[in-house]
Amino acid sequence: MMKNATEKEKHSECKTARKRAPRNPSARRQQIISAAADLIAQEGSHKITNRSVAERAGVPLGSTTQYFKSVDDLRRAGLIELSARIEAEYDEAFHVMEHEEDVCASISNAICDYISDPERMRADATLYATAIEDPAVRDIAKRNYDRFVDRCKPYMDLKRAKILFAFVEGALIDSCVMGHPYERELIQEAVALILDTPLDPAV
């Protein structure tokens, strides 16, 4: 009798603990979004499914449909997360530039570092490729563009900032297609031309 009573008490305690376990819907939703962003960066947005995202996030399949009405909504959330990551990369690069005297070299190095990561290249290229067909994603990509141009203001005029952005995105897409990033020397020459800065022959 005593044994059964003890087992019932343990069962009751476990049940109470489960009931009292705090739920964090916001964290679960972000977990799913982060998983979607990771998959988009690795495989492209067209391969996103509720099942693949749930598996990546380590959550039940029903969690994705609980927080997102459709797989398109989930895909857009993942792309928004990617956009935020790209903006964070911009912020980091420009933060480094604030402490550098040679702006041309600093920008060139930042571009080289950025496109040397294949996953990061695919993520950026995927965002802009998807924006061509999806107006909602187009707004996301435009915010990235505006952010980049705005951060360039202390270092160059608006025209050069726009040209620099076009070069960076072109270099990203070309590097994805070719399977390898642009050569460092080519990037240095392009940035020097855009900024109208003479190249240091020793570099």
C-alpha atoms as a PDB file:
ATOM      1  CA  MET A   1       0.000   0.000   0.000  1.00  0.00           C
ATOM      2  CA  MET A   2       2.796   2.330   0.996  1.00  0.00           C
ATOM      3  CA  LYS A   3       4.629   1.697  -2.284  1.00  0.00           C
ATOM      4  CA  ASN A   4       1.540   2.489  -4.366  1.00  0.00           C
ATOM      5  CA  ALA A   5       0.929   5.663  -2.382  1.00  0.00           C
ATOM      6  CA  THR A   6       4.513   6.773  -2.933  1.00  0.00           C
ATOM      7  CA  GLU A   7       4.294   6.126  -6.681  1.00  0.00           C
ATOM      8  CA  LYS A   8       1.051   8.096  -6.877  1.00  0.00           C
ATOM      9  CA  GLU A   9       2.681  10.986  -5.041  1.00  0.00           C
ATOM     10  CA  LYS A  10       5.648  10.984  -7.435  1.00  0.00           C
ATOM     11  CA  HIS A  11       3.319  10.849 -10.429  1.00  0.00           C
ATOM     12  CA  SER A  12       1.327  13.728  -8.979  1.00  0.00           C
ATOM     13  CA  GLU A  13       4.503  15.769  -8.382  1.00  0.00           C
ATOM     14  CA  CYS A  14       5.729  15.171 -11.952  1.00  0.00           C
ATOM     15  CA  LYS A  15       2.330  16.150 -13.340  1.00  0.00           C
ATOM     16  CA  THR A  16       2.332  19.332 -11.270  1.00  0.00           C
ATOM     17  CA  ALA A  17       5.881  20.141 -12.423  1.00  0.00           C
ATOM     18  CA  ARG A  18       4.813  19.745 -16.049  1.00  0.00           C
ATOM     19  CA  LYS A  19       1.852  22.022 -15.488  1.00  0.00           C
ATOM     20  CA  ARG A  20       4.023  24.625 -13.829  1.00  0.00           C
ATOM     21  CA  ALA A  21       6.721  24.516 -16.518  1.00  0.00           C
ATOM     22  CA  PRO A  22       6.850  28.040 -17.986  1.00  0.00           C
ATOM     23  CA  ARG A  23       5.870  28.437 -21.616  1.00  0.00           C
ATOM     24  CA  ASN A  24       7.555  30.988 -23.796  1.00  0.00           C
ATOM     25  CA  PRO A  25       5.685  31.339 -27.091  1.00  0.00           C
ATOM     26  CA  SER A  26       7.878  34.237 -28.184  1.00  0.00           C
ATOM     27  CA  ALA A  27      11.071  32.187 -27.765  1.00  0.00           C
ATOM     28  CA  ARG A  28       9.512  29.194 -29.558  1.00  0.00           C
ATOM     29  CA  ARG A  29       8.458  31.410 -32.476  1.00  0.00           C
ATOM     30  CA  GLN A  30      11.948  32.908 -32.726  1.00  0.00           C
ATOM     31  CA  GLN A  31      13.445  29.423 -32.608  1.00  0.00           C
ATOM     32  CA  ILE A  32      11.342  28.461 -35.635  1.00  0.00           C
ATOM     33  CA  ILE A  33      12.212  31.672 -37.500  1.00  0.00           C
ATOM     34  CA  SER A  34      15.933  31.178 -36.876  1.00  0.00           C
ATOM     35  CA  ALA A  35      15.696  27.620 -38.191  1.00  0.00           C
ATOM     36  CA  ALA A  36      13.897  28.867 -41.319  1.00  0.00           C
ATOM     37  CA  ALA A  37      16.590  31.502 -41.878  1.00  0.00           C
ATOM     38  CA  ASP A  38      19.343  28.888 -41.494  1.00  0.00           C
ATOM     39  CA  LEU A  39      17.687  26.597 -44.034  1.00  0.00           C
ATOM     40  CA  ILE A  40      17.125  29.417 -46.516  1.00  0.00           C
ATOM     41  CA  ALA A  41      20.792  30.395 -46.224  1.00  0.00           C
ATOM     42  CA  GLN A  42      21.916  26.823 -46.843  1.00  0.00           C
ATOM     43  CA  GLU A  43      19.387  25.529 -49.367  1.00  0.00           C
ATOM     44  CA  GLY A  44      17.390  28.458 -50.746  1.00  0.00           C
ATOM     45  CA  SER A  45      13.908  29.715 -49.928  1.00  0.00           C
ATOM     46  CA  HIS A  46      12.108  27.401 -52.378  1.00  0.00           C
ATOM     47  CA  LYS A  47      13.012  24.326 -50.304  1.00  0.00           C
ATOM     48  CA  ILE A  48      11.393  25.568 -47.115  1.00  0.00           C
ATOM     49  CA  THR A  49       8.632  23.316 -45.734  1.00  0.00           C
ATOM     50  CA  ASN A  50       6.924  23.161 -42.353  1.00  0.00           C
ATOM     51  CA  ARG A  51       8.464  19.756 -41.740  1.00  0.00           C
ATOM     52  CA  SER A  52      12.039  20.737 -42.629  1.00  0.00           C
ATOM     53  CA  VAL A  53      11.869  23.844 -40.432  1.00  0.00           C
ATOM     54  CA  ALA A  54      10.334  21.929 -37.517  1.00  0.00           C
ATOM     55  CA  GLU A  55      13.074  19.312 -37.749  1.00  0.00           C
ATOM     56  CA  ARG A  56      15.772  21.965 -37.881  1.00  0.00           C
ATOM     57  CA  ALA A  57      14.269  23.837 -34.920  1.00  0.00           C
ATOM     58  CA  GLY A  58      13.740  20.652 -32.922  1.00  0.00           C
ATOM     59  CA  VAL A  59      10.039  21.372 -32.357  1.00  0.00           C
ATOM     60  CA  PRO A  60       6.835  19.435 -33.107  1.00  0.00           C
ATOM     61  CA  LEU A  61       5.537  19.839 -36.656  1.00  0.00           C
ATOM     62  CA  GLY A  62       2.360  21.481 -35.354  1.00  0.00           C
ATOM     63  CA  SER A  63       4.377  24.341 -33.861  1.00  0.00           C
ATOM     64  CA  THR A  64       5.126  25.816 -37.277  1.00  0.00           C
ATOM     65  CA  THR A  65       1.455  25.938 -38.276  1.00  0.00           C
ATOM     66  CA  GLN A  66       0.560  27.262 -34.832  1.00  0.00           C
ATOM     67  CA  TYR A  67       2.678  30.377 -35.312  1.00  0.00           C
ATOM     68  CA  PHE A  68       2.478  30.785 -39.106  1.00  0.00           C
ATOM     69  CA  LYS A  69      -0.672  30.563 -41.207  1.00  0.00           C
ATOM     70  CA  SER A  70       1.148  29.284 -44.286  1.00  0.00           C
ATOM     71  CA  VAL A  71       4.571  28.156 -45.434  1.00  0.00           C
ATOM     72  CA  ASP A  72       4.829  31.459 -47.343  1.00  0.00           C
ATOM     73  CA  ASP A  73       4.436  33.369 -44.065  1.00  0.00           C
ATOM     74  CA  LEU A  74       7.120  31.168 -42.530  1.00  0.00           C
ATOM     75  CA  ARG A  75       9.408  31.759 -45.509  1.00  0.00           C
ATOM     76  CA  ARG A  76       8.963  35.534 -45.262  1.00  0.00           C
ATOM     77  CA  ALA A  77       9.719  35.443 -41.540  1.00  0.00           C
ATOM     78  CA  GLY A  78      12.911  33.544 -42.307  1.00  0.00           C
ATOM     79  CA  LEU A  79      13.857  36.091 -44.956  1.00  0.00           C
ATOM     80  CA  ILE A  80      13.223  38.956 -42.527  1.00  0.00           C
ATOM     81  CA  GLU A  81      15.567  37.232 -40.091  1.00  0.00           C
ATOM     82  CA  LEU A  82      18.170  36.897 -42.854  1.00  0.00           C
ATOM     83  CA  SER A  83      17.778  40.581 -43.628  1.00  0.00           C
ATOM     84  CA  ALA A  84      18.392  41.415 -39.967  1.00  0.00           C
ATOM     85  CA  ARG A  85      21.538  39.289 -40.009  1.00  0.00           C
ATOM     86  CA  ILE A  86      22.769  41.053 -43.146  1.00  0.00           C
ATOM     87  CA  GLU A  87      22.134  44.448 -41.535  1.00  0.00           C
ATOM     88  CA  ALA A  88      24.103  43.316 -38.486  1.00  0.00           C
ATOM     89  CA  GLU A  89      26.986  42.427 -40.811  1.00  0.00           C
ATOM     90  CA  TYR A  90      26.801  45.918 -42.328  1.00  0.00           C
ATOM     91  CA  ASP A  91      26.806  47.492 -38.879  1.00  0.00           C
ATOM     92  CA  GLU A  92      29.836  45.493 -37.835  1.00  0.00           C
ATOM     93  CA  ALA A  93      31.757  46.380 -40.997  1.00  0.00           C
ATOM     94  CA  PHE A  94      31.005  50.091 -40.699  1.00  0.00           C
ATOM     95  CA  HIS A  95      31.844  50.035 -36.998  1.00  0.00           C
ATOM     96  CA  VAL A  96      35.316  48.773 -37.924  1.00  0.00           C
ATOM     97  CA  MET A  97      35.613  51.547 -40.535  1.00  0.00           C
ATOM     98  CA  GLU A  98      35.044  54.176 -37.846  1.00  0.00           C
ATOM     99  CA  HIS A  99      38.433  53.293 -36.410  1.00  0.00           C
ATOM    100  CA  GLU A 100      40.333  53.016 -39.710  1.00  0.00           C
ATOM    101  CA  GLU A 101      42.173  55.828 -41.491  1.00  0.00           C
ATOM    102  CA  ASP A 102      42.221  54.166 -44.934  1.00  0.00           C
ATOM    103  CA  VAL A 103      38.514  53.987 -45.853  1.00  0.00           C
ATOM    104  CA  CYS A 104      39.199  52.393 -49.250  1.00  0.00           C
ATOM    105  CA  ALA A 105      41.222  49.539 -47.742  1.00  0.00           C
ATOM    106  CA  SER A 106      38.711  49.087 -44.944  1.00  0.00           C
ATOM    107  CA  ILE A 107      35.758  48.805 -47.353  1.00  0.00           C
ATOM    108  CA  SER A 108      37.697  46.429 -49.620  1.00  0.00           C
ATOM    109  CA  ASN A 109      38.622  44.190 -46.697  1.00  0.00           C
ATOM    110  CA  ALA A 110      35.028  44.165 -45.447  1.00  0.00           C
ATOM    111  CA  ILE A 111      33.729  43.112 -48.872  1.00  0.00           C
ATOM    112  CA  CYS A 112      36.378  40.400 -49.197  1.00  0.00           C
ATOM    113  CA  ASP A 113      35.546  39.019 -45.764  1.00  0.00           C
ATOM    114  CA  TYR A 114      31.821  39.126 -46.479  1.00  0.00           C
ATOM    115  CA  ILE A 115      31.921  37.224 -49.758  1.00  0.00           C
ATOM    116  CA  SER A 116      34.473  34.700 -48.541  1.00  0.00           C
ATOM    117  CA  ASP A 117      31.687  32.916 -46.618  1.00  0.00           C
ATOM    118  CA  PRO A 118      29.656  30.747 -49.093  1.00  0.00           C
ATOM    119  CA  GLU A 119      26.633  30.476 -46.796  1.00  0.00           C
ATOM    120  CA  ARG A 120      26.532  34.209 -46.231  1.00  0.00           C
ATOM    121  CA  MET A 121      26.791  34.791 -49.988  1.00  0.00           C
ATOM    122  CA  ARG A 122      23.902  32.422 -50.694  1.00  0.00           C
ATOM    123  CA  ALA A 123      21.769  34.019 -47.990  1.00  0.00           C
ATOM    124  CA  ASP A 124      22.256  37.509 -49.410  1.00  0.00           C
ATOM    125  CA  ALA A 125      21.733  36.378 -53.015  1.00  0.00           C
ATOM    126  CA  THR A 126      18.613  34.411 -52.037  1.00  0.00           C
ATOM    127  CA  LEU A 127      17.083  37.457 -50.364  1.00  0.00           C
ATOM    128  CA  TYR A 128      17.449  39.574 -53.494  1.00  0.00           C
ATOM    129  CA  ALA A 129      16.469  36.804 -55.903  1.00  0.00           C
ATOM    130  CA  THR A 130      13.256  36.207 -53.938  1.00  0.00           C
ATOM    131  CA  ALA A 131      12.562  39.946 -53.839  1.00  0.00           C
ATOM    132  CA  ILE A 132      12.233  39.983 -57.630  1.00  0.00           C
ATOM    133  CA  GLU A 133       9.071  37.858 -57.466  1.00  0.00           C
ATOM    134  CA  ASP A 134       7.675  38.650 -54.024  1.00  0.00           C
ATOM    135  CA  PRO A 135       6.630  42.272 -53.304  1.00  0.00           C
ATOM    136  CA  ALA A 136       6.647  41.630 -49.537  1.00  0.00           C
ATOM    137  CA  VAL A 137      10.260  40.483 -49.696  1.00  0.00           C
ATOM    138  CA  ARG A 138      11.073  43.410 -51.995  1.00  0.00           C
ATOM    139  CA  ASP A 139      10.282  45.781 -49.130  1.00  0.00           C
ATOM    140  CA  ILE A 140      12.650  43.800 -46.889  1.00  0.00           C
ATOM    141  CA  ALA A 141      15.459  44.011 -49.462  1.00  0.00           C
ATOM    142  CA  LYS A 142      14.845  47.729 -49.953  1.00  0.00           C
ATOM    143  CA  ARG A 143      15.307  48.345 -46.236  1.00  0.00           C
ATOM    144  CA  ASN A 144      18.687  46.604 -46.492  1.00  0.00           C
ATOM    145  CA  TYR A 145      19.620  48.872 -49.381  1.00  0.00           C
ATOM    146  CA  ASP A 146      18.521  52.007 -47.503  1.00  0.00           C
ATOM    147  CA  ARG A 147      20.448  50.904 -44.434  1.00  0.00           C
ATOM    148  CA  PHE A 148      23.636  50.331 -46.427  1.00  0.00           C
ATOM    149  CA  VAL A 149      23.431  53.675 -48.238  1.00  0.00           C
ATOM    150  CA  ASP A 150      22.697  55.505 -44.991  1.00  0.00           C
ATOM    151  CA  ARG A 151      25.735  53.992 -43.277  1.00  0.00           C
ATOM    152  CA  CYS A 152      27.936  55.143 -46.193  1.00  0.00           C
ATOM    153  CA  LYS A 153      27.100  58.829 -45.659  1.00  0.00           C
ATOM    154  CA  PRO A 154      30.121  59.698 -43.472  1.00  0.00           C
ATOM    155  CA  TYR A 155      32.515  58.269 -46.079  1.00  0.00           C
ATOM    156  CA  MET A 156      31.110  59.151 -49.524  1.00  0.00           C
ATOM    157  CA  ASP A 157      28.350  60.963 -51.371  1.00  0.00           C
ATOM    158  CA  LEU A 158      24.996  59.380 -52.247  1.00  0.00           C
ATOM    159  CA  LYS A 159      25.978  58.546 -55.842  1.00  0.00           C
ATOM    160  CA  ARG A 160      29.067  56.609 -54.787  1.00  0.00           C
ATOM    161  CA  ALA A 161      27.146  54.840 -52.012  1.00  0.00           C
ATOM    162  CA  LYS A 162      24.603  53.589 -54.561  1.00  0.00           C
ATOM    163  CA  ILE A 163      27.332  52.459 -56.957  1.00  0.00           C
ATOM    164  CA  LEU A 164      29.178  50.705 -54.142  1.00  0.00           C
ATOM    165  CA  PHE A 165      26.019  48.835 -53.139  1.00  0.00           C
ATOM    166  CA  ALA A 166      25.449  47.774 -56.749  1.00  0.00           C
ATOM    167  CA  PHE A 167      29.020  46.511 -56.964  1.00  0.00           C
ATOM    168  CA  VAL A 168      28.780  44.550 -53.698  1.00  0.00           C
ATOM    169  CA  GLU A 169      25.531  42.830 -54.723  1.00  0.00           C
ATOM    170  CA  GLY A 170      26.874  42.138 -58.210  1.00  0.00           C
ATOM    171  CA  ALA A 171      30.051  40.660 -56.744  1.00  0.00           C
ATOM    172  CA  LEU A 172      27.958  38.468 -54.445  1.00  0.00           C
ATOM    173  CA  ILE A 173      25.766  37.112 -57.232  1.00  0.00           C
ATOM    174  CA  ASP A 174      28.682  36.578 -59.613  1.00  0.00           C
ATOM    175  CA  SER A 175      30.664  34.821 -56.891  1.00  0.00           C
ATOM    176  CA  CYS A 176      27.716  32.509 -56.199  1.00  0.00           C
ATOM    177  CA  VAL A 177      27.402  31.668 -59.900  1.00  0.00           C
ATOM    178  CA  MET A 178      31.121  31.177 -60.436  1.00  0.00           C
ATOM    179  CA  GLY A 179      31.546  29.166 -57.260  1.00  0.00           C
ATOM    180  CA  HIS A 180      34.354  31.317 -55.882  1.00  0.00           C
ATOM    181  CA  PRO A 181      34.610  34.937 -54.664  1.00  0.00           C
ATOM    182  CA  TYR A 182      36.097  37.829 -56.568  1.00  0.00           C
ATOM    183  CA  GLU A 183      39.854  38.253 -56.254  1.00  0.00           C
ATOM    184  CA  ARG A 184      40.942  40.681 -53.532  1.00  0.00           C
ATOM    185  CA  GLU A 185      42.911  42.803 -56.034  1.00  0.00           C
ATOM    186  CA  LEU A 186      39.843  43.230 -58.244  1.00  0.00           C
ATOM    187  CA  ILE A 187      37.731  44.322 -55.289  1.00  0.00           C
ATOM    188  CA  GLN A 188      40.395  46.797 -54.174  1.00  0.00           C
ATOM    189  CA  GLU A 189      40.594  48.331 -57.650  1.00  0.00           C
ATOM    190  CA  ALA A 190      36.806  48.555 -57.976  1.00  0.00           C
ATOM    191  CA  VAL A 191      36.390  50.265 -54.598  1.00  0.00           C
ATOM    192  CA  ALA A 192      39.240  52.679 -55.395  1.00  0.00           C
ATOM    193  CA  LEU A 193      37.544  53.618 -58.674  1.00  0.00           C
ATOM    194  CA  ILE A 194      34.183  54.117 -56.981  1.00  0.00           C
ATOM    195  CA  LEU A 195      35.682  56.313 -54.263  1.00  0.00           C
ATOM    196  CA  ASP A 196      37.996  58.019 -56.766  1.00  0.00           C
ATOM    197  CA  THR A 197      40.922  57.077 -54.537  1.00  0.00           C
ATOM    198  CA  PRO A 198      44.407  56.394 -55.934  1.00  0.00           C
ATOM    199  CA  LEU A 199      45.608  52.872 -55.165  1.00  0.00           C
ATOM    200  CA  ASP A 200      48.723  52.433 -53.093  1.00  0.00           C
ATOM    201  CA  PRO A 201      51.164  50.562 -55.379  1.00  0.00           C
ATOM    202  CA  ALA A 202      52.562  48.752 -52.343  1.00  0.00           C
ATOM    203  CA  VAL A 203      49.174  47.180 -51.512  1.00  0.00           C
END
